[in-house]
Amino acid sequence: MDNTLLLVVLILIVLFASISIVGALHRIRNASEKALAILESQTARQNTDNSSR
């Protein structure tokens, strides 16, 4: 194979891998934000329940 073709293929593989990693990081961030919102609402509910007792 020509070295140029190998270089192009390698660059494309790295490009697609980085796009995939960025997408996975976005999904992890979204899931973390949702989990944090759930925990905050549960904490607020517990605080409300405890203060009403």
PDB file of N, CA and C in Angstrom:
ATOM      1  N   MET A   1       0.832  -1.191   0.000  1.00  0.00           N
ATOM      2  CA  MET A   1       0.000   0.000   0.000  1.00  0.00           C
ATOM      3  C   MET A   1       0.874   1.250   0.000  1.00  0.00           C
ATOM      4  N   ASP A   2       0.316   2.246  -0.551  1.00  0.00           N
ATOM      5  CA  ASP A   2       1.006   3.519  -0.580  1.00  0.00           C
ATOM      6  C   ASP A   2       0.990   4.137   0.816  1.00  0.00           C
ATOM      7  N   ASN A   3       2.067   4.776   1.206  1.00  0.00           N
ATOM      8  CA  ASN A   3       2.158   5.384   2.529  1.00  0.00           C
ATOM      9  C   ASN A   3       1.111   6.476   2.734  1.00  0.00           C
ATOM     10  N   THR A   4       0.787   7.190   1.679  1.00  0.00           N
ATOM     11  CA  THR A   4      -0.209   8.257   1.782  1.00  0.00           C
ATOM     12  C   THR A   4      -1.578   7.671   2.117  1.00  0.00           C
ATOM     13  N   LEU A   5      -1.922   6.580   1.480  1.00  0.00           N
ATOM     14  CA  LEU A   5      -3.203   5.926   1.743  1.00  0.00           C
ATOM     15  C   LEU A   5      -3.265   5.427   3.189  1.00  0.00           C
ATOM     16  N   LEU A   6      -2.174   4.849   3.653  1.00  0.00           N
ATOM     17  CA  LEU A   6      -2.119   4.400   5.045  1.00  0.00           C
ATOM     18  C   LEU A   6      -2.297   5.569   6.014  1.00  0.00           C
ATOM     19  N   LEU A   7      -1.679   6.682   5.717  1.00  0.00           N
ATOM     20  CA  LEU A   7      -1.791   7.866   6.564  1.00  0.00           C
ATOM     21  C   LEU A   7      -3.224   8.388   6.579  1.00  0.00           C
ATOM     22  N   VAL A   8      -3.873   8.418   5.432  1.00  0.00           N
ATOM     23  CA  VAL A   8      -5.260   8.882   5.352  1.00  0.00           C
ATOM     24  C   VAL A   8      -6.171   7.959   6.145  1.00  0.00           C
ATOM     25  N   VAL A   9      -5.991   6.668   6.014  1.00  0.00           N
ATOM     26  CA  VAL A   9      -6.805   5.703   6.751  1.00  0.00           C
ATOM     27  C   VAL A   9      -6.579   5.865   8.250  1.00  0.00           C
ATOM     28  N   LEU A  10      -5.363   6.036   8.657  1.00  0.00           N
ATOM     29  CA  LEU A  10      -5.046   6.228  10.074  1.00  0.00           C
ATOM     30  C   LEU A  10      -5.691   7.503  10.617  1.00  0.00           C
ATOM     31  N   ILE A  11      -5.630   8.570   9.857  1.00  0.00           N
ATOM     32  CA  ILE A  11      -6.248   9.837  10.276  1.00  0.00           C
ATOM     33  C   ILE A  11      -7.762   9.670  10.395  1.00  0.00           C
ATOM     34  N   LEU A  12      -8.381   8.974   9.460  1.00  0.00           N
ATOM     35  CA  LEU A  12      -9.826   8.749   9.531  1.00  0.00           C
ATOM     36  C   LEU A  12     -10.206   7.914  10.748  1.00  0.00           C
ATOM     37  N   ILE A  13      -9.413   6.904  11.063  1.00  0.00           N
ATOM     38  CA  ILE A  13      -9.687   6.075  12.233  1.00  0.00           C
ATOM     39  C   ILE A  13      -9.594   6.909  13.505  1.00  0.00           C
ATOM     40  N   VAL A  14      -8.566   7.726  13.613  1.00  0.00           N
ATOM     41  CA  VAL A  14      -8.404   8.581  14.787  1.00  0.00           C
ATOM     42  C   VAL A  14      -9.546   9.587  14.875  1.00  0.00           C
ATOM     43  N   LEU A  15      -9.963  10.140  13.757  1.00  0.00           N
ATOM     44  CA  LEU A  15     -11.053  11.105  13.736  1.00  0.00           C
ATOM     45  C   LEU A  15     -12.354  10.473  14.221  1.00  0.00           C
ATOM     46  N   PHE A  16     -12.702   9.317  13.681  1.00  0.00           N
ATOM     47  CA  PHE A  16     -13.944   8.660  14.092  1.00  0.00           C
ATOM     48  C   PHE A  16     -13.883   8.197  15.537  1.00  0.00           C
ATOM     49  N   ALA A  17     -12.723   7.760  15.993  1.00  0.00           N
ATOM     50  CA  ALA A  17     -12.582   7.351  17.396  1.00  0.00           C
ATOM     51  C   ALA A  17     -12.760   8.545  18.321  1.00  0.00           C
ATOM     52  N   SER A  18     -12.208   9.686  17.955  1.00  0.00           N
ATOM     53  CA  SER A  18     -12.355  10.870  18.813  1.00  0.00           C
ATOM     54  C   SER A  18     -13.799  11.353  18.835  1.00  0.00           C
ATOM     55  N   ILE A  19     -14.498  11.275  17.707  1.00  0.00           N
ATOM     56  CA  ILE A  19     -15.913  11.647  17.681  1.00  0.00           C
ATOM     57  C   ILE A  19     -16.710  10.711  18.581  1.00  0.00           C
ATOM     58  N   SER A  20     -16.388   9.440  18.555  1.00  0.00           N
ATOM     59  CA  SER A  20     -17.076   8.467  19.392  1.00  0.00           C
ATOM     60  C   SER A  20     -16.819   8.733  20.866  1.00  0.00           C
ATOM     61  N   ILE A  21     -15.592   9.055  21.207  1.00  0.00           N
ATOM     62  CA  ILE A  21     -15.247   9.340  22.604  1.00  0.00           C
ATOM     63  C   ILE A  21     -15.968  10.594  23.088  1.00  0.00           C
ATOM     64  N   VAL A  22     -16.018  11.611  22.261  1.00  0.00           N
ATOM     65  CA  VAL A  22     -16.710  12.849  22.636  1.00  0.00           C
ATOM     66  C   VAL A  22     -18.198  12.573  22.845  1.00  0.00           C
ATOM     67  N   GLY A  23     -18.786  11.781  21.979  1.00  0.00           N
ATOM     68  CA  GLY A  23     -20.198  11.419  22.137  1.00  0.00           C
ATOM     69  C   GLY A  23     -20.448  10.669  23.430  1.00  0.00           C
ATOM     70  N   ALA A  24     -19.556   9.757  23.766  1.00  0.00           N
ATOM     71  CA  ALA A  24     -19.700   9.005  25.014  1.00  0.00           C
ATOM     72  C   ALA A  24     -19.565   9.923  26.217  1.00  0.00           C
ATOM     73  N   LEU A  25     -18.654  10.874  26.156  1.00  0.00           N
ATOM     74  CA  LEU A  25     -18.487  11.827  27.262  1.00  0.00           C
ATOM     75  C   LEU A  25     -19.728  12.696  27.429  1.00  0.00           C
ATOM     76  N   HIS A  26     -20.362  13.071  26.337  1.00  0.00           N
ATOM     77  CA  HIS A  26     -21.599  13.851  26.424  1.00  0.00           C
ATOM     78  C   HIS A  26     -22.712  13.038  27.079  1.00  0.00           C
ATOM     79  N   ARG A  27     -22.815  11.764  26.714  1.00  0.00           N
ATOM     80  CA  ARG A  27     -23.841  10.914  27.325  1.00  0.00           C
ATOM     81  C   ARG A  27     -23.581  10.731  28.810  1.00  0.00           C
ATOM     82  N   ILE A  28     -22.320  10.584  29.188  1.00  0.00           N
ATOM     83  CA  ILE A  28     -21.976  10.449  30.610  1.00  0.00           C
ATOM     84  C   ILE A  28     -22.320  11.730  31.357  1.00  0.00           C
ATOM     85  N   ARG A  29     -22.017  12.880  30.753  1.00  0.00           N
ATOM     86  CA  ARG A  29     -22.345  14.162  31.399  1.00  0.00           C
ATOM     87  C   ARG A  29     -23.847  14.312  31.587  1.00  0.00           C
ATOM     88  N   ASN A  30     -24.614  13.968  30.561  1.00  0.00           N
ATOM     89  CA  ASN A  30     -26.071  14.082  30.670  1.00  0.00           C
ATOM     90  C   ASN A  30     -26.614  13.160  31.749  1.00  0.00           C
ATOM     91  N   ALA A  31     -26.111  11.940  31.811  1.00  0.00           N
ATOM     92  CA  ALA A  31     -26.569  11.004  32.828  1.00  0.00           C
ATOM     93  C   ALA A  31     -26.187  11.495  34.223  1.00  0.00           C
ATOM     94  N   SER A  32     -25.013  12.072  34.363  1.00  0.00           N
ATOM     95  CA  SER A  32     -24.577  12.596  35.660  1.00  0.00           C
ATOM     96  C   SER A  32     -25.447  13.771  36.092  1.00  0.00           C
ATOM     97  N   GLU A  33     -25.784  14.642  35.151  1.00  0.00           N
ATOM     98  CA  GLU A  33     -26.643  15.779  35.483  1.00  0.00           C
ATOM     99  C   GLU A  33     -28.027  15.310  35.905  1.00  0.00           C
ATOM    100  N   LYS A  34     -28.563  14.290  35.231  1.00  0.00           N
ATOM    101  CA  LYS A  34     -29.878  13.761  35.607  1.00  0.00           C
ATOM    102  C   LYS A  34     -29.825  13.132  36.990  1.00  0.00           C
ATOM    103  N   ALA A  35     -28.769  12.376  37.263  1.00  0.00           N
ATOM    104  CA  ALA A  35     -28.627  11.749  38.574  1.00  0.00           C
ATOM    105  C   ALA A  35     -28.502  12.803  39.665  1.00  0.00           C
ATOM    106  N   LEU A  36     -27.761  13.867  39.394  1.00  0.00           N
ATOM    107  CA  LEU A  36     -27.616  14.950  40.369  1.00  0.00           C
ATOM    108  C   LEU A  36     -28.954  15.631  40.623  1.00  0.00           C
ATOM    109  N   ALA A  37     -29.728  15.853  39.590  1.00  0.00           N
ATOM    110  CA  ALA A  37     -31.045  16.476  39.762  1.00  0.00           C
ATOM    111  C   ALA A  37     -31.958  15.588  40.600  1.00  0.00           C
ATOM    112  N   ILE A  38     -31.902  14.282  40.378  1.00  0.00           N
ATOM    113  CA  ILE A  38     -32.716  13.348  41.169  1.00  0.00           C
ATOM    114  C   ILE A  38     -32.280  13.380  42.623  1.00  0.00           C
ATOM    115  N   LEU A  39     -30.988  13.351  42.860  1.00  0.00           N
ATOM    116  CA  LEU A  39     -30.489  13.390  44.241  1.00  0.00           C
ATOM    117  C   LEU A  39     -30.860  14.692  44.932  1.00  0.00           C
ATOM    118  N   GLU A  40     -30.777  15.806  44.202  1.00  0.00           N
ATOM    119  CA  GLU A  40     -31.145  17.088  44.795  1.00  0.00           C
ATOM    120  C   GLU A  40     -32.622  17.125  45.158  1.00  0.00           C
ATOM    121  N   SER A  41     -33.472  16.593  44.286  1.00  0.00           N
ATOM    122  CA  SER A  41     -34.903  16.592  44.589  1.00  0.00           C
ATOM    123  C   SER A  41     -35.216  15.665  45.761  1.00  0.00           C
ATOM    124  N   GLN A  42     -34.526  14.538  45.854  1.00  0.00           N
ATOM    125  CA  GLN A  42     -34.732  13.635  46.990  1.00  0.00           C
ATOM    126  C   GLN A  42     -34.263  14.286  48.289  1.00  0.00           C
ATOM    127  N   THR A  43     -33.155  14.990  48.246  1.00  0.00           N
ATOM    128  CA  THR A  43     -32.649  15.674  49.431  1.00  0.00           C
ATOM    129  C   THR A  43     -33.610  16.771  49.869  1.00  0.00           C
ATOM    130  N   ALA A  44     -34.118  17.521  48.914  1.00  0.00           N
ATOM    131  CA  ALA A  44     -35.077  18.576  49.244  1.00  0.00           C
ATOM    132  C   ALA A  44     -36.346  17.980  49.842  1.00  0.00           C
ATOM    133  N   ARG A  45     -36.802  16.857  49.305  1.00  0.00           N
ATOM    134  CA  ARG A  45     -38.002  16.198  49.825  1.00  0.00           C
ATOM    135  C   ARG A  45     -37.756  15.695  51.241  1.00  0.00           C
ATOM    136  N   GLN A  46     -36.580  15.125  51.495  1.00  0.00           N
ATOM    137  CA  GLN A  46     -36.261  14.639  52.839  1.00  0.00           C
ATOM    138  C   GLN A  46     -36.181  15.796  53.824  1.00  0.00           C
ATOM    139  N   ASN A  47     -35.579  16.912  53.398  1.00  0.00           N
ATOM    140  CA  ASN A  47     -35.493  18.077  54.270  1.00  0.00           C
ATOM    141  C   ASN A  47     -36.875  18.617  54.601  1.00  0.00           C
ATOM    142  N   THR A  48     -37.769  18.612  53.613  1.00  0.00           N
ATOM    143  CA  THR A  48     -39.130  19.073  53.847  1.00  0.00           C
ATOM    144  C   THR A  48     -39.863  18.136  54.816  1.00  0.00           C
ATOM    145  N   ASP A  49     -39.676  16.832  54.625  1.00  0.00           N
ATOM    146  CA  ASP A  49     -40.309  15.856  55.517  1.00  0.00           C
ATOM    147  C   ASP A  49     -39.771  15.983  56.936  1.00  0.00           C
ATOM    148  N   ASN A  50     -38.474  16.182  57.084  1.00  0.00           N
ATOM    149  CA  ASN A  50     -37.874  16.289  58.405  1.00  0.00           C
ATOM    150  C   ASN A  50     -38.285  17.568  59.120  1.00  0.00           C
ATOM    151  N   SER A  51     -38.447  18.658  58.378  1.00  0.00           N
ATOM    152  CA  SER A  51     -38.813  19.922  59.016  1.00  0.00           C
ATOM    153  C   SER A  51     -40.275  19.953  59.394  1.00  0.00           C
ATOM    154  N   SER A  52     -41.096  19.133  58.747  1.00  0.00           N
ATOM    155  CA  SER A  52     -42.517  19.123  59.076  1.00  0.00           C
ATOM    156  C   SER A  52     -42.819  18.248  60.283  1.00  0.00           C
ATOM    157  N   ARG A  53     -41.859  17.464  60.719  1.00  0.00           N
ATOM    158  CA  ARG A  53     -42.085  16.583  61.879  1.00  0.00           C
ATOM    159  C   ARG A  53     -41.973  17.302  63.161  1.00  0.00           C
TER     160      ARG A  53
END
